[in-house]
Amino acid sequence: MNGKRANSFWQRPRVVQIGGRPFVSEGLNEHFWDDFYHRALTMSWPGFFGVAISVFLIFNALFAMVYQIDPNGIANQFPKGLPGAFFFSVETLATVGYGDMHPQSVYTHVVATAEIILGMGNIAVFTGLIFARFSRPRAKILFGKHPIVRMIDGKQTLMLRAANMRQNLIAQASAELHLLRLHASPEGFQIRRIEDLKLVRDHHPIFMLSWNVMHVIDEASPLYGVPLENLESSEAALLLTIEGIDETTSQSMMARHQWGIKDVRWNHRYVDLIHRDSDGVSIVDYNVFHDVLPLDEEA
């Protein structure tokens, strides 16, 4: 029983969102050091620096206790005891070299040498992680809260709005749209099916401001003729992925967003982003980026 409890301590449930519904995963053994590099890259900056500072303090506290095995091994130790040994450890690890406290026994020299070797590796790891976190490409793409379905050129069309928040050039931008929904076979076998939704234009040569991604709901579309209640009962969701090359950094970047079918607004339109002022200058108003209106309602 105790073994089962101890094992379940590491089996922390994780929650993912699919189609606006939470899915809790259980039974995955997850230890603190499992996939440490990924954890270090994905945790928040306060959490990362909290871990780094904690490791630094614990590392020096452990070496301070090792130094204290030889109470006379540090010359001019101040303050006496464990606090002085801790400060000496910090100075040794940082290679500050104030000169007031220094090793005066072979044992302390050996411990200081081991601390420098281990400390250099520790600093190198955290320096590399900080660089990796800063250099990792991040797409700042804003997605509209509500996809819409409306008639365009006499065809029922699904439209999703995206915008480049940096307003720099994303070259060779491409988009993929998928429909996720539960499917039950005649034998009663149920799976979550992923279906491609063909886009009117799946590439954008100069994605700098906004992009209206469109899918025509025709006979070839998985959405054609499917009642809304069927889509809701099958937990349907839309997944949009945008990839491209950031001109500023020349790095590939990717962003994705997911909407549940309840987020879709039928027979609506987006509020226009661009308008002209009295001087004829085009203004892009992102304050109305998420706004949608019924087709029979005036802007």
Foldseek 3Di string as FASTA:
>chain_A
DVVVVVQQVQFDWDWDADLNDIDIDTDDRHDCCVVVLVVLQPDDPVVNVVVLVVVVQVLLLVLLVVVVVPQPQKAQQPPGDSVSSSVVLVCLLVVVCPPNIDTDDPSVVVSSVVSNVVSVVSVVVSVVSVVCNVPPDEFDKDWAQAWEWAADPNFTKIKIKMFRPVLAWFAFKFKWKWKWWWDADPVRDIDTDIGTFDWPDGTDGGRRTMDITMGTQDPPGPPNPDDLVNLVVRSMKMKMKMWGAGPVSRDIYIDMDMHRSVRYHYQKAQDDQWDADPVRDIGGHCVRVRPIGHNVDDD
